[in-house]
Amino acid sequence: MASSMRSLFSDHGRYVESFRRFLNHSTEHQCMLEFMDKKLPGIIARYQNCC
């Protein structure tokens, strides 16, 4: 495992691709994107209207 991690760190393109795959399969990341796209704009708009 340590050898494969070293390989990822030394090959930037492979590291980026692995990270993108992780993000595509990460439910936490998907939930954050959904929150930012659907809920956050309304929260910001309400805050701007009250102050």
PDB file of N, CA and C in Angstrom:
ATOM      1  N   MET A   1       0.818  -1.188   0.000  1.00  0.00           N
ATOM      2  CA  MET A   1       0.000   0.000   0.000  1.00  0.00           C
ATOM      3  C   MET A   1       0.863   1.253   0.000  1.00  0.00           C
ATOM      4  N   ALA A   2       1.893   1.280   0.806  1.00  0.00           N
ATOM      5  CA  ALA A   2       2.762   2.453   0.858  1.00  0.00           C
ATOM      6  C   ALA A   2       3.375   2.710  -0.510  1.00  0.00           C
ATOM      7  N   SER A   3       3.709   1.640  -1.224  1.00  0.00           N
ATOM      8  CA  SER A   3       4.288   1.789  -2.554  1.00  0.00           C
ATOM      9  C   SER A   3       3.299   2.439  -3.520  1.00  0.00           C
ATOM     10  N   SER A   4       2.032   2.038  -3.469  1.00  0.00           N
ATOM     11  CA  SER A   4       1.043   2.626  -4.374  1.00  0.00           C
ATOM     12  C   SER A   4       0.785   4.087  -4.022  1.00  0.00           C
ATOM     13  N   MET A   5       0.835   4.439  -2.739  1.00  0.00           N
ATOM     14  CA  MET A   5       0.659   5.832  -2.335  1.00  0.00           C
ATOM     15  C   MET A   5       1.827   6.679  -2.840  1.00  0.00           C
ATOM     16  N   ARG A   6       3.029   6.149  -2.736  1.00  0.00           N
ATOM     17  CA  ARG A   6       4.203   6.860  -3.241  1.00  0.00           C
ATOM     18  C   ARG A   6       4.047   7.100  -4.737  1.00  0.00           C
ATOM     19  N   SER A   7       3.533   6.107  -5.437  1.00  0.00           N
ATOM     20  CA  SER A   7       3.330   6.226  -6.872  1.00  0.00           C
ATOM     21  C   SER A   7       2.325   7.331  -7.194  1.00  0.00           C
ATOM     22  N   LEU A   8       1.250   7.431  -6.401  1.00  0.00           N
ATOM     23  CA  LEU A   8       0.263   8.489  -6.618  1.00  0.00           C
ATOM     24  C   LEU A   8       0.883   9.868  -6.415  1.00  0.00           C
ATOM     25  N   PHE A   9       1.688  10.008  -5.378  1.00  0.00           N
ATOM     26  CA  PHE A   9       2.285  11.308  -5.088  1.00  0.00           C
ATOM     27  C   PHE A   9       3.314  11.714  -6.139  1.00  0.00           C
ATOM     28  N   SER A  10       3.992  10.762  -6.721  1.00  0.00           N
ATOM     29  CA  SER A  10       5.007  11.099  -7.714  1.00  0.00           C
ATOM     30  C   SER A  10       4.409  11.320  -9.101  1.00  0.00           C
ATOM     31  N   ASP A  11       3.196  10.835  -9.345  1.00  0.00           N
ATOM     32  CA  ASP A  11       2.531  10.993 -10.642  1.00  0.00           C
ATOM     33  C   ASP A  11       1.309  11.886 -10.456  1.00  0.00           C
ATOM     34  N   HIS A  12       1.498  13.192 -10.681  1.00  0.00           N
ATOM     35  CA  HIS A  12       0.440  14.172 -10.416  1.00  0.00           C
ATOM     36  C   HIS A  12      -0.845  13.857 -11.187  1.00  0.00           C
ATOM     37  N   GLY A  13      -0.734  13.488 -12.443  1.00  0.00           N
ATOM     38  CA  GLY A  13      -1.916  13.183 -13.249  1.00  0.00           C
ATOM     39  C   GLY A  13      -2.712  12.026 -12.682  1.00  0.00           C
ATOM     40  N   ARG A  14      -2.014  11.009 -12.230  1.00  0.00           N
ATOM     41  CA  ARG A  14      -2.683   9.846 -11.636  1.00  0.00           C
ATOM     42  C   ARG A  14      -3.334  10.224 -10.306  1.00  0.00           C
ATOM     43  N   TYR A  15      -2.671  11.077  -9.538  1.00  0.00           N
ATOM     44  CA  TYR A  15      -3.227  11.542  -8.268  1.00  0.00           C
ATOM     45  C   TYR A  15      -4.523  12.314  -8.508  1.00  0.00           C
ATOM     46  N   VAL A  16      -4.502  13.231  -9.478  1.00  0.00           N
ATOM     47  CA  VAL A  16      -5.688  14.041  -9.780  1.00  0.00           C
ATOM     48  C   VAL A  16      -6.834  13.141 -10.229  1.00  0.00           C
ATOM     49  N   GLU A  17      -6.556  12.192 -11.097  1.00  0.00           N
ATOM     50  CA  GLU A  17      -7.598  11.273 -11.565  1.00  0.00           C
ATOM     51  C   GLU A  17      -8.169  10.456 -10.409  1.00  0.00           C
ATOM     52  N   SER A  18      -7.325   9.974  -9.520  1.00  0.00           N
ATOM     53  CA  SER A  18      -7.801   9.213  -8.358  1.00  0.00           C
ATOM     54  C   SER A  18      -8.671  10.075  -7.460  1.00  0.00           C
ATOM     55  N   PHE A  19      -8.277  11.329  -7.272  1.00  0.00           N
ATOM     56  CA  PHE A  19      -9.052  12.231  -6.426  1.00  0.00           C
ATOM     57  C   PHE A  19     -10.404  12.533  -7.063  1.00  0.00           C
ATOM     58  N   ARG A  20     -10.428  12.739  -8.371  1.00  0.00           N
ATOM     59  CA  ARG A  20     -11.703  12.977  -9.070  1.00  0.00           C
ATOM     60  C   ARG A  20     -12.629  11.774  -8.933  1.00  0.00           C
ATOM     61  N   ARG A  21     -12.080  10.588  -9.052  1.00  0.00           N
ATOM     62  CA  ARG A  21     -12.905   9.380  -8.882  1.00  0.00           C
ATOM     63  C   ARG A  21     -13.448   9.300  -7.464  1.00  0.00           C
ATOM     64  N   PHE A  22     -12.621   9.633  -6.495  1.00  0.00           N
ATOM     65  CA  PHE A  22     -13.074   9.649  -5.104  1.00  0.00           C
ATOM     66  C   PHE A  22     -14.242  10.620  -4.943  1.00  0.00           C
ATOM     67  N   LEU A  23     -14.104  11.835  -5.483  1.00  0.00           N
ATOM     68  CA  LEU A  23     -15.172  12.830  -5.356  1.00  0.00           C
ATOM     69  C   LEU A  23     -16.454  12.370  -6.032  1.00  0.00           C
ATOM     70  N   ASN A  24     -16.347  11.725  -7.177  1.00  0.00           N
ATOM     71  CA  ASN A  24     -17.531  11.239  -7.886  1.00  0.00           C
ATOM     72  C   ASN A  24     -18.272  10.161  -7.110  1.00  0.00           C
ATOM     73  N   HIS A  25     -17.561   9.425  -6.274  1.00  0.00           N
ATOM     74  CA  HIS A  25     -18.185   8.340  -5.517  1.00  0.00           C
ATOM     75  C   HIS A  25     -18.418   8.686  -4.053  1.00  0.00           C
ATOM     76  N   SER A  26     -18.061   9.879  -3.654  1.00  0.00           N
ATOM     77  CA  SER A  26     -18.190  10.292  -2.258  1.00  0.00           C
ATOM     78  C   SER A  26     -19.584  10.854  -2.010  1.00  0.00           C
ATOM     79  N   THR A  27     -20.356  10.180  -1.167  1.00  0.00           N
ATOM     80  CA  THR A  27     -21.700  10.679  -0.863  1.00  0.00           C
ATOM     81  C   THR A  27     -21.619  11.979  -0.074  1.00  0.00           C
ATOM     82  N   GLU A  28     -20.597  12.141   0.749  1.00  0.00           N
ATOM     83  CA  GLU A  28     -20.436  13.390   1.496  1.00  0.00           C
ATOM     84  C   GLU A  28     -20.245  14.557   0.526  1.00  0.00           C
ATOM     85  N   HIS A  29     -19.404  14.359  -0.471  1.00  0.00           N
ATOM     86  CA  HIS A  29     -19.159  15.405  -1.464  1.00  0.00           C
ATOM     87  C   HIS A  29     -20.439  15.705  -2.247  1.00  0.00           C
ATOM     88  N   GLN A  30     -21.184  14.674  -2.609  1.00  0.00           N
ATOM     89  CA  GLN A  30     -22.433  14.871  -3.344  1.00  0.00           C
ATOM     90  C   GLN A  30     -23.439  15.644  -2.505  1.00  0.00           C
ATOM     91  N   CYS A  31     -23.514  15.349  -1.218  1.00  0.00           N
ATOM     92  CA  CYS A  31     -24.421  16.077  -0.320  1.00  0.00           C
ATOM     93  C   CYS A  31     -24.015  17.544  -0.205  1.00  0.00           C
ATOM     94  N   MET A  32     -22.730  17.797  -0.129  1.00  0.00           N
ATOM     95  CA  MET A  32     -22.255  19.181  -0.038  1.00  0.00           C
ATOM     96  C   MET A  32     -22.602  19.958  -1.307  1.00  0.00           C
ATOM     97  N   LEU A  33     -22.408  19.332  -2.467  1.00  0.00           N
ATOM     98  CA  LEU A  33     -22.741  20.001  -3.726  1.00  0.00           C
ATOM     99  C   LEU A  33     -24.233  20.293  -3.813  1.00  0.00           C
ATOM    100  N   GLU A  34     -25.051  19.329  -3.398  1.00  0.00           N
ATOM    101  CA  GLU A  34     -26.502  19.527  -3.414  1.00  0.00           C
ATOM    102  C   GLU A  34     -26.895  20.675  -2.486  1.00  0.00           C
ATOM    103  N   PHE A  35     -26.292  20.728  -1.311  1.00  0.00           N
ATOM    104  CA  PHE A  35     -26.571  21.819  -0.373  1.00  0.00           C
ATOM    105  C   PHE A  35     -26.203  23.163  -0.991  1.00  0.00           C
ATOM    106  N   MET A  36     -25.016  23.240  -1.595  1.00  0.00           N
ATOM    107  CA  MET A  36     -24.563  24.512  -2.169  1.00  0.00           C
ATOM    108  C   MET A  36     -25.425  24.934  -3.354  1.00  0.00           C
ATOM    109  N   ASP A  37     -25.891  23.970  -4.133  1.00  0.00           N
ATOM    110  CA  ASP A  37     -26.693  24.296  -5.312  1.00  0.00           C
ATOM    111  C   ASP A  37     -28.145  24.620  -4.975  1.00  0.00           C
ATOM    112  N   LYS A  38     -28.723  23.911  -3.991  1.00  0.00           N
ATOM    113  CA  LYS A  38     -30.163  24.026  -3.754  1.00  0.00           C
ATOM    114  C   LYS A  38     -30.533  24.829  -2.514  1.00  0.00           C
ATOM    115  N   LYS A  39     -29.800  24.708  -1.444  1.00  0.00           N
ATOM    116  CA  LYS A  39     -30.195  25.331  -0.179  1.00  0.00           C
ATOM    117  C   LYS A  39     -29.466  26.642   0.107  1.00  0.00           C
ATOM    118  N   LEU A  40     -28.180  26.674  -0.157  1.00  0.00           N
ATOM    119  CA  LEU A  40     -27.369  27.834   0.194  1.00  0.00           C
ATOM    120  C   LEU A  40     -27.830  29.136  -0.471  1.00  0.00           C
ATOM    121  N   PRO A  41     -28.207  29.117  -1.751  1.00  0.00           N
ATOM    122  CA  PRO A  41     -28.671  30.381  -2.348  1.00  0.00           C
ATOM    123  C   PRO A  41     -29.861  30.988  -1.597  1.00  0.00           C
ATOM    124  N   GLY A  42     -30.802  30.167  -1.150  1.00  0.00           N
ATOM    125  CA  GLY A  42     -31.947  30.664  -0.390  1.00  0.00           C
ATOM    126  C   GLY A  42     -31.540  31.221   0.960  1.00  0.00           C
ATOM    127  N   ILE A  43     -30.601  30.571   1.608  1.00  0.00           N
ATOM    128  CA  ILE A  43     -30.113  31.044   2.911  1.00  0.00           C
ATOM    129  C   ILE A  43     -29.438  32.403   2.747  1.00  0.00           C
ATOM    130  N   ILE A  44     -28.617  32.527   1.725  1.00  0.00           N
ATOM    131  CA  ILE A  44     -27.924  33.801   1.480  1.00  0.00           C
ATOM    132  C   ILE A  44     -28.930  34.893   1.132  1.00  0.00           C
ATOM    133  N   ALA A  45     -29.918  34.565   0.308  1.00  0.00           N
ATOM    134  CA  ALA A  45     -30.927  35.562  -0.079  1.00  0.00           C
ATOM    135  C   ALA A  45     -31.712  36.040   1.138  1.00  0.00           C
ATOM    136  N   ARG A  46     -32.082  35.126   2.027  1.00  0.00           N
ATOM    137  CA  ARG A  46     -32.813  35.519   3.239  1.00  0.00           C
ATOM    138  C   ARG A  46     -31.951  36.418   4.116  1.00  0.00           C
ATOM    139  N   TYR A  47     -30.685  36.118   4.219  1.00  0.00           N
ATOM    140  CA  TYR A  47     -29.781  36.929   5.028  1.00  0.00           C
ATOM    141  C   TYR A  47     -29.642  38.326   4.429  1.00  0.00           C
ATOM    142  N   GLN A  48     -29.504  38.407   3.113  1.00  0.00           N
ATOM    143  CA  GLN A  48     -29.357  39.706   2.455  1.00  0.00           C
ATOM    144  C   GLN A  48     -30.616  40.550   2.626  1.00  0.00           C
ATOM    145  N   ASN A  49     -31.782  39.919   2.633  1.00  0.00           N
ATOM    146  CA  ASN A  49     -33.042  40.650   2.754  1.00  0.00           C
ATOM    147  C   ASN A  49     -33.290  41.160   4.166  1.00  0.00           C
ATOM    148  N   CYS A  50     -32.734  40.512   5.159  1.00  0.00           N
ATOM    149  CA  CYS A  50     -33.021  40.912   6.539  1.00  0.00           C
ATOM    150  C   CYS A  50     -32.062  41.985   7.051  1.00  0.00           C
ATOM    151  N   CYS A  51     -30.935  42.184   6.410  1.00  0.00           N
ATOM    152  CA  CYS A  51     -29.925  43.128   6.932  1.00  0.00           C
ATOM    153  C   CYS A  51     -29.735  44.333   6.063  1.00  0.00           C
TER     154      CYS A  51
END
